[in-house]
Amino acid sequence: MAAEHQFLTATDVAETLKVDVRVVWGLLKSGELRGFQVGGRKMWRIEASALDDYIQRQYERAEQSLAQESVNARPERRSTPTAD
């Protein structure tokens, strides 16, 4: 028996991410979000698991960005002159 797939439209994904559908089309065209076209030019299908993967990657990217900001925000340690 074949695996069961759950497909979403670009509009479904846009509603989930609370963005305009044009943002989703851009993600699809850039390859950041996996999907495929069916029929017409703007008829995309995105597997639910592909959306989950995209969201997970964005969380990881945000965590890395925050960690980097934290490192960059640390004041430099200045050596204190010692008395000779």
N, C-alpha and C. Protein backbone atom coordinates (compact mmCIF):
# COMPACT_ATOMS: atom_id res chain seq x y z
N MET A 1 0.84 -1.19 0.00
CA MET A 1 0.00 0.00 0.00
C MET A 1 0.89 1.25 0.00
N ALA A 2 0.53 2.22 -0.80
CA ALA A 2 1.31 3.46 -0.92
C ALA A 2 1.13 4.33 0.32
N ALA A 3 2.15 5.11 0.60
CA ALA A 3 2.07 6.03 1.74
C ALA A 3 1.00 7.08 1.48
N GLU A 4 0.35 7.47 2.52
CA GLU A 4 -0.69 8.51 2.43
C GLU A 4 -0.04 9.89 2.46
N HIS A 5 -0.40 10.72 1.51
CA HIS A 5 0.14 12.08 1.42
C HIS A 5 -0.97 13.07 1.72
N GLN A 6 -0.63 14.11 2.46
CA GLN A 6 -1.57 15.19 2.68
C GLN A 6 -1.02 16.42 1.98
N PHE A 7 -1.77 16.92 1.00
CA PHE A 7 -1.31 18.06 0.22
C PHE A 7 -2.06 19.32 0.59
N LEU A 8 -1.33 20.43 0.54
CA LEU A 8 -1.88 21.75 0.82
C LEU A 8 -1.73 22.61 -0.43
N THR A 9 -2.58 23.59 -0.57
CA THR A 9 -2.43 24.57 -1.64
C THR A 9 -1.53 25.70 -1.14
N ALA A 10 -1.09 26.54 -2.06
CA ALA A 10 -0.30 27.70 -1.67
C ALA A 10 -1.11 28.61 -0.75
N THR A 11 -2.40 28.69 -0.99
CA THR A 11 -3.29 29.49 -0.14
C THR A 11 -3.36 28.91 1.26
N ASP A 12 -3.45 27.58 1.37
CA ASP A 12 -3.46 26.93 2.69
C ASP A 12 -2.19 27.26 3.46
N VAL A 13 -1.05 27.17 2.77
CA VAL A 13 0.23 27.45 3.41
C VAL A 13 0.31 28.92 3.83
N ALA A 14 -0.16 29.80 2.97
CA ALA A 14 -0.16 31.24 3.29
C ALA A 14 -0.99 31.51 4.54
N GLU A 15 -2.13 30.87 4.64
CA GLU A 15 -2.97 31.06 5.82
C GLU A 15 -2.28 30.52 7.07
N THR A 16 -1.63 29.39 6.95
CA THR A 16 -0.92 28.80 8.10
C THR A 16 0.20 29.70 8.57
N LEU A 17 0.97 30.24 7.61
CA LEU A 17 2.11 31.09 7.96
C LEU A 17 1.72 32.55 8.19
N LYS A 18 0.46 32.87 7.92
CA LYS A 18 -0.04 34.26 8.07
C LYS A 18 0.76 35.22 7.19
N VAL A 19 0.92 34.82 5.92
CA VAL A 19 1.60 35.66 4.93
C VAL A 19 0.75 35.71 3.67
N ASP A 20 1.11 36.61 2.77
CA ASP A 20 0.44 36.69 1.49
C ASP A 20 0.85 35.49 0.63
N VAL A 21 -0.05 35.02 -0.21
CA VAL A 21 0.23 33.85 -1.04
C VAL A 21 1.42 34.10 -1.97
N ARG A 22 1.69 35.35 -2.31
CA ARG A 22 2.86 35.66 -3.15
C ARG A 22 4.16 35.32 -2.44
N VAL A 23 4.18 35.42 -1.12
CA VAL A 23 5.36 35.02 -0.35
C VAL A 23 5.58 33.52 -0.51
N VAL A 24 4.51 32.76 -0.43
CA VAL A 24 4.59 31.30 -0.58
C VAL A 24 5.09 30.95 -1.99
N TRP A 25 4.57 31.61 -3.01
CA TRP A 25 5.04 31.34 -4.37
C TRP A 25 6.53 31.61 -4.48
N GLY A 26 6.99 32.68 -3.85
CA GLY A 26 8.42 32.99 -3.85
C GLY A 26 9.24 31.91 -3.18
N LEU A 27 8.75 31.39 -2.05
CA LEU A 27 9.45 30.31 -1.34
C LEU A 27 9.50 29.05 -2.20
N LEU A 28 8.43 28.78 -2.91
CA LEU A 28 8.38 27.61 -3.78
C LEU A 28 9.35 27.77 -4.95
N LYS A 29 9.34 28.93 -5.57
CA LYS A 29 10.20 29.16 -6.73
C LYS A 29 11.68 29.17 -6.36
N SER A 30 12.00 29.63 -5.15
CA SER A 30 13.39 29.66 -4.70
C SER A 30 13.87 28.29 -4.22
N GLY A 31 12.94 27.38 -3.97
CA GLY A 31 13.30 26.06 -3.48
C GLY A 31 13.36 25.96 -1.97
N GLU A 32 13.10 27.07 -1.27
CA GLU A 32 13.11 27.03 0.20
C GLU A 32 11.99 26.15 0.75
N LEU A 33 10.88 26.12 0.02
CA LEU A 33 9.73 25.29 0.38
C LEU A 33 9.51 24.32 -0.78
N ARG A 34 9.47 23.04 -0.46
CA ARG A 34 9.28 22.03 -1.51
C ARG A 34 7.82 21.91 -1.90
N GLY A 35 7.58 21.84 -3.20
CA GLY A 35 6.25 21.65 -3.73
C GLY A 35 6.34 21.40 -5.21
N PHE A 36 5.21 21.24 -5.84
CA PHE A 36 5.20 21.02 -7.29
C PHE A 36 3.96 21.66 -7.89
N GLN A 37 4.07 21.96 -9.17
CA GLN A 37 2.96 22.58 -9.88
C GLN A 37 2.08 21.50 -10.51
N VAL A 38 0.79 21.74 -10.47
CA VAL A 38 -0.17 20.89 -11.18
C VAL A 38 -1.03 21.81 -12.03
N GLY A 39 -1.30 21.40 -13.22
CA GLY A 39 -2.18 22.21 -14.06
C GLY A 39 -1.60 23.58 -14.35
N GLY A 40 -2.34 24.59 -13.97
CA GLY A 40 -2.01 25.97 -14.29
C GLY A 40 -0.77 26.51 -13.61
N ARG A 41 -0.42 27.72 -14.02
CA ARG A 41 0.81 28.36 -13.58
C ARG A 41 0.91 28.53 -12.07
N LYS A 42 -0.17 28.89 -11.43
CA LYS A 42 -0.11 29.16 -9.98
C LYS A 42 -0.77 28.08 -9.15
N MET A 43 -0.92 26.90 -9.73
CA MET A 43 -1.53 25.78 -9.00
C MET A 43 -0.43 24.91 -8.42
N TRP A 44 -0.07 25.20 -7.18
CA TRP A 44 0.98 24.47 -6.48
C TRP A 44 0.38 23.55 -5.44
N ARG A 45 1.08 22.45 -5.17
CA ARG A 45 0.73 21.56 -4.07
C ARG A 45 1.97 21.36 -3.22
N ILE A 46 1.75 21.46 -1.93
CA ILE A 46 2.83 21.33 -0.95
C ILE A 46 2.44 20.23 0.02
N GLU A 47 3.30 19.27 0.18
CA GLU A 47 3.02 18.20 1.13
C GLU A 47 3.12 18.78 2.54
N ALA A 48 2.21 18.38 3.41
CA ALA A 48 2.18 18.90 4.78
C ALA A 48 3.53 18.69 5.47
N SER A 49 4.18 17.57 5.21
CA SER A 49 5.48 17.30 5.83
C SER A 49 6.55 18.27 5.32
N ALA A 50 6.42 18.73 4.06
CA ALA A 50 7.37 19.72 3.52
C ALA A 50 7.20 21.05 4.24
N LEU A 51 5.96 21.42 4.56
CA LEU A 51 5.72 22.64 5.32
C LEU A 51 6.29 22.50 6.73
N ASP A 52 6.09 21.35 7.35
CA ASP A 52 6.66 21.11 8.69
C ASP A 52 8.18 21.23 8.66
N ASP A 53 8.82 20.67 7.63
CA ASP A 53 10.27 20.75 7.49
C ASP A 53 10.71 22.20 7.35
N TYR A 54 10.01 22.96 6.53
CA TYR A 54 10.34 24.38 6.32
C TYR A 54 10.25 25.14 7.65
N ILE A 55 9.17 24.93 8.38
CA ILE A 55 8.98 25.62 9.66
C ILE A 55 10.11 25.26 10.63
N GLN A 56 10.47 23.98 10.68
CA GLN A 56 11.55 23.55 11.57
C GLN A 56 12.87 24.23 11.20
N ARG A 57 13.16 24.30 9.90
CA ARG A 57 14.39 24.97 9.46
C ARG A 57 14.38 26.45 9.84
N GLN A 58 13.23 27.09 9.79
CA GLN A 58 13.14 28.50 10.15
C GLN A 58 13.37 28.69 11.65
N TYR A 59 12.85 27.78 12.47
CA TYR A 59 13.12 27.85 13.91
C TYR A 59 14.62 27.70 14.17
N GLU A 60 15.25 26.73 13.50
CA GLU A 60 16.69 26.52 13.69
C GLU A 60 17.48 27.74 13.23
N ARG A 61 17.08 28.32 12.12
CA ARG A 61 17.75 29.52 11.60
C ARG A 61 17.61 30.68 12.59
N ALA A 62 16.43 30.83 13.17
CA ALA A 62 16.20 31.90 14.14
C ALA A 62 17.06 31.69 15.39
N GLU A 63 17.15 30.44 15.85
CA GLU A 63 17.96 30.15 17.03
C GLU A 63 19.43 30.46 16.77
N GLN A 64 19.92 30.09 15.58
CA GLN A 64 21.31 30.37 15.23
C GLN A 64 21.56 31.87 15.15
N SER A 65 20.59 32.58 14.60
CA SER A 65 20.72 34.03 14.48
C SER A 65 20.76 34.68 15.86
N LEU A 66 19.90 34.23 16.76
CA LEU A 66 19.89 34.77 18.12
C LEU A 66 21.19 34.45 18.85
N ALA A 67 21.68 33.24 18.64
CA ALA A 67 22.94 32.86 19.29
C ALA A 67 24.09 33.74 18.77
N GLN A 68 24.10 34.01 17.48
CA GLN A 68 25.14 34.84 16.90
C GLN A 68 25.03 36.28 17.41
N GLU A 69 23.80 36.79 17.50
CA GLU A 69 23.61 38.14 18.05
C GLU A 69 24.10 38.22 19.48
N SER A 70 23.86 37.16 20.24
CA SER A 70 24.30 37.12 21.63
C SER A 70 25.82 37.19 21.71
N VAL A 71 26.49 36.46 20.84
CA VAL A 71 27.95 36.47 20.82
C VAL A 71 28.45 37.85 20.42
N ASN A 72 27.83 38.44 19.42
CA ASN A 72 28.26 39.75 18.93
C ASN A 72 27.96 40.87 19.92
N ALA A 73 26.98 40.66 20.80
CA ALA A 73 26.59 41.70 21.75
C ALA A 73 27.46 41.72 23.00
N ARG A 74 28.23 40.68 23.21
CA ARG A 74 29.09 40.63 24.40
C ARG A 74 30.15 41.71 24.31
N PRO A 75 30.32 42.44 25.39
CA PRO A 75 31.38 43.46 25.37
C PRO A 75 32.74 42.77 25.33
N GLU A 76 33.64 43.39 24.63
CA GLU A 76 34.99 42.83 24.55
C GLU A 76 35.65 42.95 25.91
N ARG A 77 36.37 41.93 26.25
CA ARG A 77 37.14 41.99 27.50
C ARG A 77 38.40 42.78 27.24
N ARG A 78 38.59 43.74 28.06
CA ARG A 78 39.80 44.54 27.94
C ARG A 78 40.76 44.11 29.05
N SER A 79 41.98 43.97 28.66
CA SER A 79 42.95 43.58 29.68
C SER A 79 43.24 44.80 30.56
N THR A 80 43.29 44.54 31.81
CA THR A 80 43.59 45.62 32.76
C THR A 80 45.10 45.70 32.93
N PRO A 81 45.57 46.92 32.86
CA PRO A 81 47.01 47.06 33.03
C PRO A 81 47.43 46.59 34.42
N THR A 82 48.53 45.95 34.47
CA THR A 82 49.05 45.49 35.77
C THR A 82 50.13 46.43 36.24
N ALA A 83 50.19 46.57 37.51
CA ALA A 83 51.23 47.43 38.09
C ALA A 83 52.50 46.64 38.17
N ASP A 84 53.59 47.23 37.72
CA ASP A 84 54.89 46.54 37.76
C ASP A 84 55.67 47.00 38.94
